[in-house]
Amino acid sequence: MSADHHRHPPQLLALLHEELASSGLLELLEDAETTDLMVNEDGSVWRQHLRRGQERIEDMQLGPDEIESLLGTVASLHGTVVTAEQPILEATLPFHEARLEAVLPPLTTAPVLALRKPPAVLLTLDDLVGNHTLPRSVAELLAVALEQGSTCVVAGGVGSGKTTLANALLVALLAARPDERIVILEEGARELHVEGANVNRLLTSERAGVDMTQLVRTALRLNPSRILIGEVRGAEAMDFLRAANTGQAGSLLTVHANSAKDSLSRLDTLAQEAGVPSQLDRIAEAVDLVAFVARTGTCRRVREVLRVDGIGRAGKPKLERLYTAAGTANPQSRSLPLDPGGSS
């Protein structure tokens, strides 16, 4: 249960617990290796399993009335409603820090629901090597680069495994540098769950009116050796670049993108939301490595790793491909020598 559950009326908490339990969703949420739950329009239930990938929960079917009642309770907990006039609900459950996104008719033919919760079990780089997410040589390359001060971007689509890889890299970093002073910034909910003696966490809050841009500025005043951003989504990209180019080397962030190369363009677009011109030159100086993660079916794979080596004559980042997974374009299942401190 989340730390602020005491703000909710006990009767509503009890009702929500009962509805989650009777639907079968609570048992799935309590599974340590469940990261996502989805209910489709036809009432079928699917989950993302930390090790097995996406799977359908056989013999489990939820009716629209059951889901709408559950969503009504969640909405009441947050002082809002979900109706045909207000058919989208975004909320955080008071159980397991699960984030909820739901869509109701008339936008759908029946309620659609997605729940995401932080995994209770953190996969290590050894685990990711074992389940073929990435080769050991690439795992070692990324871990050593981050430890030695390279700024790394983990890019990919929704559900691609960006956070899983970022968590594993953080576990490796703290194993090598247990006293490192790290400030982790996240959007409203904890997804990076590593623990360290000198690790601090800051969350955005709509209630307090604090967004990620303000959080980055606040973090810089906490004397961090590294700032880690769970996901860059907007104008805070500009503040991150300022920080990365003024002594905050060795940072880690994730970003939605369609490829490793596209992640740099994506960061540039987000930075421009701060009302500035293109920042590709700053990005090329701030970012050292990009790892692109993709999901194919139920499998998650690191598809590509690029090294960023400053800005080229054409005004675009100079890129060196360090790894491309077999089965993709220009397959190169190899890693190349890397000087982690060379371009920060």
Protein backbone atom coordinates (compact mmCIF):
# COMPACT_ATOMS: atom_id res chain seq x y z
CA MET A 1 0.00 0.00 0.00
CA SER A 2 1.32 3.46 -0.84
CA ALA A 3 2.62 5.86 1.77
CA ASP A 4 -0.29 8.27 1.31
CA HIS A 5 -3.08 5.72 1.70
CA HIS A 6 -4.06 7.41 4.96
CA ARG A 7 -5.51 10.28 2.90
CA HIS A 8 -8.22 8.01 1.49
CA PRO A 9 -11.48 7.18 3.30
CA PRO A 10 -11.15 3.73 4.92
CA GLN A 11 -14.52 2.62 3.51
CA LEU A 12 -13.43 3.33 -0.06
CA LEU A 13 -10.08 1.60 0.50
CA ALA A 14 -11.89 -1.47 1.83
CA LEU A 15 -14.30 -1.43 -1.12
CA LEU A 16 -11.49 -1.14 -3.65
CA HIS A 17 -9.58 -3.98 -1.98
CA GLU A 18 -12.71 -6.14 -2.12
CA GLU A 19 -13.35 -5.35 -5.79
CA LEU A 20 -9.74 -6.05 -6.77
CA ALA A 21 -9.80 -9.31 -4.84
CA SER A 22 -13.13 -10.54 -6.23
CA SER A 23 -12.05 -9.73 -9.80
CA GLY A 24 -8.82 -11.71 -9.39
CA LEU A 25 -6.69 -8.67 -10.21
CA LEU A 26 -5.38 -8.29 -6.65
CA GLU A 27 -3.79 -11.75 -6.67
CA LEU A 28 -2.03 -10.93 -9.94
CA LEU A 29 -0.88 -7.55 -8.60
CA GLU A 30 0.56 -9.26 -5.54
CA ASP A 31 2.65 -11.59 -7.69
CA ALA A 32 6.20 -10.28 -7.30
CA GLU A 33 6.98 -10.83 -10.99
CA THR A 34 3.91 -9.08 -12.44
CA THR A 35 4.78 -5.68 -13.89
CA ASP A 36 1.70 -4.91 -16.01
CA LEU A 37 -1.94 -6.01 -16.12
CA MET A 38 -4.26 -5.31 -19.04
CA VAL A 39 -8.00 -5.88 -19.47
CA ASN A 40 -9.19 -5.72 -23.08
CA GLU A 41 -12.58 -4.76 -24.50
CA ASP A 42 -13.60 -8.41 -24.63
CA GLY A 43 -12.87 -8.80 -20.88
CA SER A 44 -9.76 -10.92 -21.39
CA VAL A 45 -6.94 -10.34 -18.90
CA TRP A 46 -3.28 -10.20 -19.86
CA ARG A 47 -0.15 -9.56 -17.88
CA GLN A 48 3.49 -8.73 -18.43
CA HIS A 49 5.58 -11.19 -16.46
CA LEU A 50 9.06 -10.07 -15.48
CA ARG A 51 10.70 -13.23 -16.82
CA ARG A 52 8.19 -14.86 -19.15
CA GLY A 53 6.99 -11.79 -21.03
CA GLN A 54 3.39 -11.10 -21.99
CA GLU A 55 0.84 -13.83 -21.38
CA ARG A 56 -2.94 -14.26 -21.29
CA ILE A 57 -4.49 -15.30 -18.00
CA GLU A 58 -6.51 -18.31 -19.03
CA ASP A 59 -9.98 -18.88 -17.57
CA MET A 60 -10.18 -15.26 -16.40
CA GLN A 61 -12.81 -13.00 -17.92
CA LEU A 62 -14.12 -9.73 -16.46
CA GLY A 63 -17.47 -8.19 -17.32
CA PRO A 64 -17.90 -4.49 -18.21
CA ASP A 65 -20.06 -3.79 -15.16
CA GLU A 66 -17.40 -5.28 -12.88
CA ILE A 67 -14.69 -3.10 -14.40
CA GLU A 68 -16.82 0.05 -14.40
CA SER A 69 -17.63 -0.43 -10.72
CA LEU A 70 -13.94 -0.85 -9.92
CA LEU A 71 -13.05 2.27 -11.89
CA GLY A 72 -15.79 4.25 -10.18
CA THR A 73 -14.27 3.38 -6.82
CA VAL A 74 -10.78 4.38 -7.98
CA ALA A 75 -12.16 7.68 -9.29
CA SER A 76 -13.92 8.36 -5.99
CA LEU A 77 -10.66 7.78 -4.11
CA HIS A 78 -9.10 10.56 -6.18
CA GLY A 79 -12.06 12.93 -5.93
CA THR A 80 -13.15 12.60 -9.53
CA VAL A 81 -15.56 10.61 -11.70
CA VAL A 82 -15.36 8.42 -14.77
CA THR A 83 -18.40 8.69 -17.03
CA ALA A 84 -19.39 8.82 -20.70
CA GLU A 85 -18.67 12.56 -20.53
CA GLN A 86 -15.32 11.94 -18.79
CA PRO A 87 -14.29 8.54 -20.17
CA ILE A 88 -10.54 8.54 -19.43
CA LEU A 89 -9.16 7.85 -15.96
CA GLU A 90 -5.54 8.22 -14.90
CA ALA A 91 -4.75 7.39 -11.29
CA THR A 92 -2.40 5.64 -8.89
CA LEU A 93 -3.81 2.80 -6.81
CA PRO A 94 -3.15 2.88 -3.07
CA PHE A 95 -2.00 -0.73 -3.41
CA HIS A 96 1.42 -1.71 -4.79
CA GLU A 97 2.03 1.78 -6.24
CA ALA A 98 0.24 0.65 -9.39
CA ARG A 99 -0.48 3.28 -12.06
CA LEU A 100 -3.85 2.94 -13.74
CA GLU A 101 -5.00 4.06 -17.17
CA ALA A 102 -8.57 3.30 -18.20
CA VAL A 103 -10.76 4.15 -21.17
CA LEU A 104 -14.56 3.77 -21.21
CA PRO A 105 -17.32 4.05 -23.83
CA PRO A 106 -18.00 5.95 -26.01
CA LEU A 107 -14.24 5.89 -26.76
CA THR A 108 -14.34 2.08 -26.65
CA THR A 109 -17.07 -0.53 -26.96
CA ALA A 110 -16.31 -1.77 -23.43
CA PRO A 111 -13.92 -0.68 -20.66
CA VAL A 112 -10.18 -1.03 -21.35
CA LEU A 113 -7.83 -1.04 -18.39
CA ALA A 114 -4.06 -1.10 -17.91
CA LEU A 115 -2.19 -1.30 -14.61
CA ARG A 116 1.57 -0.92 -14.22
CA LYS A 117 3.41 -1.54 -10.99
CA PRO A 118 7.07 -1.55 -10.08
CA PRO A 119 8.49 -5.08 -10.03
CA ALA A 120 9.16 -6.43 -6.57
CA VAL A 121 12.04 -8.43 -8.06
CA LEU A 122 14.86 -6.53 -9.76
CA LEU A 123 16.59 -8.31 -12.60
CA THR A 124 20.37 -7.95 -12.64
CA LEU A 125 22.53 -7.70 -15.73
CA ASP A 126 23.35 -11.38 -15.19
CA ASP A 127 19.61 -12.12 -15.33
CA LEU A 128 19.24 -10.13 -18.54
CA VAL A 129 22.18 -11.96 -20.08
CA GLY A 130 20.62 -15.24 -18.97
CA ASN A 131 17.28 -14.49 -20.64
CA HIS A 132 19.03 -13.25 -23.82
CA THR A 133 18.03 -9.59 -23.47
CA LEU A 134 21.63 -8.69 -24.28
CA PRO A 135 25.02 -10.43 -24.62
CA ARG A 136 27.43 -10.39 -21.70
CA SER A 137 29.94 -8.27 -23.63
CA VAL A 138 27.31 -5.55 -24.11
CA ALA A 139 26.20 -5.75 -20.46
CA GLU A 140 29.79 -5.27 -19.35
CA LEU A 141 30.34 -2.43 -21.81
CA LEU A 142 27.31 -0.49 -20.51
CA ALA A 143 28.06 -1.18 -16.84
CA VAL A 144 31.71 -0.12 -17.07
CA ALA A 145 30.88 2.96 -19.14
CA LEU A 146 28.27 4.15 -16.63
CA GLU A 147 30.55 3.45 -13.67
CA GLN A 148 33.41 5.40 -15.25
CA GLY A 149 31.33 8.50 -15.98
CA SER A 150 29.61 8.07 -19.34
CA THR A 151 26.11 9.46 -19.68
CA CYS A 152 23.85 6.73 -20.99
CA VAL A 153 20.42 6.88 -22.62
CA VAL A 154 18.17 3.81 -22.62
CA ALA A 155 15.64 4.19 -25.43
CA GLY A 156 12.68 2.15 -26.59
CA GLY A 157 8.93 1.97 -26.95
CA VAL A 158 6.25 1.42 -24.32
CA GLY A 159 6.80 -1.87 -22.51
CA SER A 160 10.08 -2.52 -24.29
CA GLY A 161 12.06 -3.07 -21.08
CA LYS A 162 13.73 0.34 -20.73
CA THR A 163 13.11 0.52 -16.99
CA THR A 164 14.20 -3.09 -16.48
CA LEU A 165 17.55 -2.39 -18.16
CA ALA A 166 17.96 0.93 -16.32
CA ASN A 167 17.32 -0.80 -12.98
CA ALA A 168 19.87 -3.49 -13.80
CA LEU A 169 22.47 -0.87 -14.72
CA LEU A 170 21.81 0.97 -11.46
CA VAL A 171 22.22 -2.24 -9.47
CA ALA A 172 25.59 -2.76 -11.15
CA LEU A 173 26.60 0.86 -10.55
CA LEU A 174 25.81 0.73 -6.85
CA ALA A 175 27.58 -2.60 -6.49
CA ALA A 176 30.72 -0.96 -7.88
CA ARG A 177 30.21 2.40 -6.12
CA PRO A 178 28.01 1.81 -3.05
CA ASP A 179 28.51 5.31 -1.61
CA GLU A 180 27.79 7.20 -4.83
CA ARG A 181 25.50 10.20 -4.20
CA ILE A 182 22.65 9.73 -6.65
CA VAL A 183 19.40 11.65 -7.03
CA ILE A 184 16.68 9.74 -8.90
CA LEU A 185 13.88 11.76 -10.50
CA GLU A 186 10.61 10.14 -11.57
CA GLU A 187 7.23 11.12 -12.91
CA GLY A 188 4.76 10.64 -10.05
CA ALA A 189 5.54 6.99 -9.23
CA ARG A 190 8.61 4.95 -8.36
CA GLU A 191 9.88 2.61 -11.05
CA LEU A 192 13.62 2.70 -10.37
CA HIS A 193 13.81 0.70 -7.17
CA VAL A 194 17.46 0.27 -6.36
CA GLU A 195 18.63 1.07 -2.84
CA GLY A 196 21.87 2.72 -1.80
CA ALA A 197 23.31 4.41 1.26
CA ASN A 198 23.50 7.75 -0.55
CA VAL A 199 20.55 7.46 -2.94
CA ASN A 200 17.73 10.01 -2.82
CA ARG A 201 14.46 10.03 -4.76
CA LEU A 202 12.27 12.91 -5.91
CA LEU A 203 8.83 12.52 -7.48
CA THR A 204 6.81 15.02 -9.46
CA SER A 205 3.47 15.96 -7.95
CA GLU A 206 0.44 17.48 -9.65
CA ARG A 207 -1.00 18.17 -6.21
CA ALA A 208 2.08 20.23 -5.23
CA GLY A 209 2.42 21.75 -8.70
CA VAL A 210 5.95 20.39 -9.17
CA ASP A 211 6.84 19.09 -12.62
CA MET A 212 10.00 17.39 -13.86
CA THR A 213 11.60 20.65 -14.99
CA GLN A 214 11.41 22.03 -11.45
CA LEU A 215 12.55 18.70 -10.06
CA VAL A 216 15.73 18.72 -12.17
CA ARG A 217 16.57 22.21 -10.93
CA THR A 218 15.91 21.18 -7.34
CA ALA A 219 18.05 18.06 -7.70
CA LEU A 220 21.05 20.12 -8.80
CA ARG A 221 20.99 21.91 -5.45
CA LEU A 222 21.22 18.62 -3.53
CA ASN A 223 24.89 18.18 -4.46
CA PRO A 224 24.49 14.96 -6.48
CA SER A 225 27.33 13.22 -8.22
CA ARG A 226 24.77 11.86 -10.69
CA ILE A 227 21.19 12.66 -11.66
CA LEU A 228 19.10 9.79 -12.99
CA ILE A 229 15.80 10.52 -14.71
CA GLY A 230 13.27 7.70 -14.90
CA GLU A 231 11.93 9.07 -18.18
CA VAL A 232 12.43 12.33 -20.04
CA ARG A 233 9.06 13.41 -21.42
CA GLY A 234 9.20 17.17 -21.94
CA ALA A 235 11.02 20.45 -21.48
CA GLU A 236 13.05 19.02 -18.58
CA ALA A 237 15.34 17.64 -21.32
CA MET A 238 16.79 21.16 -21.58
CA ASP A 239 17.56 21.31 -17.86
CA PHE A 240 19.12 17.87 -18.04
CA LEU A 241 21.39 19.01 -20.87
CA ARG A 242 22.46 22.05 -18.89
CA ALA A 243 23.27 19.81 -15.95
CA ALA A 244 25.09 17.19 -18.05
CA ASN A 245 27.24 19.88 -19.66
CA THR A 246 28.19 21.50 -16.36
CA GLY A 247 29.72 18.63 -14.41
CA GLN A 248 26.91 16.08 -14.07
CA ALA A 249 28.60 13.31 -16.05
CA GLY A 250 27.69 9.68 -15.62
CA SER A 251 23.95 10.23 -15.68
CA LEU A 252 21.28 7.80 -16.86
CA LEU A 253 17.88 8.44 -18.37
CA THR A 254 15.25 6.70 -20.45
CA VAL A 255 13.29 8.11 -23.36
CA HIS A 256 10.62 6.86 -25.74
CA ALA A 257 12.08 6.43 -29.23
CA ASN A 258 11.88 4.16 -32.27
CA SER A 259 15.63 3.58 -32.59
CA ALA A 260 18.90 4.48 -30.95
CA LYS A 261 19.52 7.27 -33.47
CA ASP A 262 15.94 8.53 -33.12
CA SER A 263 16.41 8.94 -29.36
CA LEU A 264 18.78 11.86 -29.97
CA SER A 265 16.24 13.58 -32.22
CA ARG A 266 13.59 12.87 -29.61
CA LEU A 267 15.67 14.51 -26.88
CA ASP A 268 16.19 17.50 -29.18
CA THR A 269 12.45 17.84 -29.79
CA LEU A 270 11.73 17.65 -26.06
CA ALA A 271 14.42 20.22 -25.25
CA GLN A 272 12.84 22.61 -27.75
CA GLU A 273 9.64 22.50 -25.70
CA ALA A 274 11.53 24.85 -23.36
CA GLY A 275 11.38 27.49 -26.11
CA VAL A 276 14.95 27.07 -27.30
CA PRO A 277 16.34 26.25 -30.77
CA SER A 278 17.77 22.85 -31.68
CA GLN A 279 20.12 21.49 -29.03
CA LEU A 280 21.75 18.69 -31.04
CA ASP A 281 25.20 20.09 -30.35
CA ARG A 282 24.61 19.98 -26.59
CA ILE A 283 23.10 16.51 -26.86
CA ALA A 284 26.14 15.29 -28.76
CA GLU A 285 28.39 16.61 -26.00
CA ALA A 286 26.25 15.37 -23.11
CA VAL A 287 25.34 11.84 -24.24
CA ASP A 288 27.99 9.14 -24.62
CA LEU A 289 26.05 5.92 -25.19
CA VAL A 290 22.57 4.99 -26.37
CA ALA A 291 21.12 1.51 -25.85
CA PHE A 292 17.94 0.78 -27.78
CA VAL A 293 15.58 -1.87 -26.38
CA ALA A 294 12.69 -3.36 -28.36
CA ARG A 295 9.95 -5.89 -27.74
CA THR A 296 9.24 -8.53 -30.36
CA GLY A 297 6.28 -10.66 -29.37
CA THR A 298 6.87 -11.59 -25.74
CA CYS A 299 10.66 -11.08 -25.95
CA ARG A 300 12.66 -7.99 -25.02
CA ARG A 301 16.02 -7.42 -26.60
CA VAL A 302 18.73 -4.78 -26.70
CA ARG A 303 18.75 -4.23 -30.45
CA GLU A 304 21.48 -1.64 -30.80
CA VAL A 305 24.12 0.31 -28.89
CA LEU A 306 25.56 3.53 -30.31
CA ARG A 307 28.46 5.63 -29.16
CA VAL A 308 28.01 9.40 -29.57
CA ASP A 309 31.28 11.11 -30.43
CA GLY A 310 30.50 14.81 -30.49
CA ILE A 311 29.06 16.82 -33.35
CA GLY A 312 30.03 16.32 -37.00
CA ARG A 313 30.66 18.86 -39.74
CA ALA A 314 27.06 18.63 -40.93
CA GLY A 315 25.85 19.69 -37.49
CA LYS A 316 24.65 16.21 -36.60
CA PRO A 317 25.96 13.89 -33.86
CA LYS A 318 28.76 11.57 -34.94
CA LEU A 319 27.64 8.02 -34.21
CA GLU A 320 29.57 4.78 -33.96
CA ARG A 321 27.67 1.50 -33.90
CA LEU A 322 29.06 -0.65 -31.09
CA TYR A 323 26.50 -3.42 -31.29
CA THR A 324 23.58 -4.54 -33.44
CA ALA A 325 21.66 -7.67 -32.49
CA ALA A 326 21.65 -10.56 -34.93
CA GLY A 327 18.53 -10.57 -37.08
CA THR A 328 18.36 -6.78 -37.41
CA ALA A 329 19.73 -4.51 -40.13
CA ASN A 330 23.52 -4.56 -40.40
CA PRO A 331 23.94 -7.29 -37.78
CA GLN A 332 27.11 -6.93 -35.74
CA SER A 333 27.04 -9.03 -32.62
CA ARG A 334 30.17 -7.41 -31.28
CA SER A 335 31.26 -4.63 -28.99
CA LEU A 336 34.08 -2.24 -29.78
CA PRO A 337 36.67 -0.64 -27.51
CA LEU A 338 35.22 2.25 -25.55
CA ASP A 339 36.78 5.13 -23.68
CA PRO A 340 33.92 5.98 -21.26
CA GLY A 341 35.35 9.34 -20.30
CA GLY A 342 36.15 10.46 -23.79
CA SER A 343 33.17 12.64 -24.68
CA SER A 344 31.51 13.79 -21.47
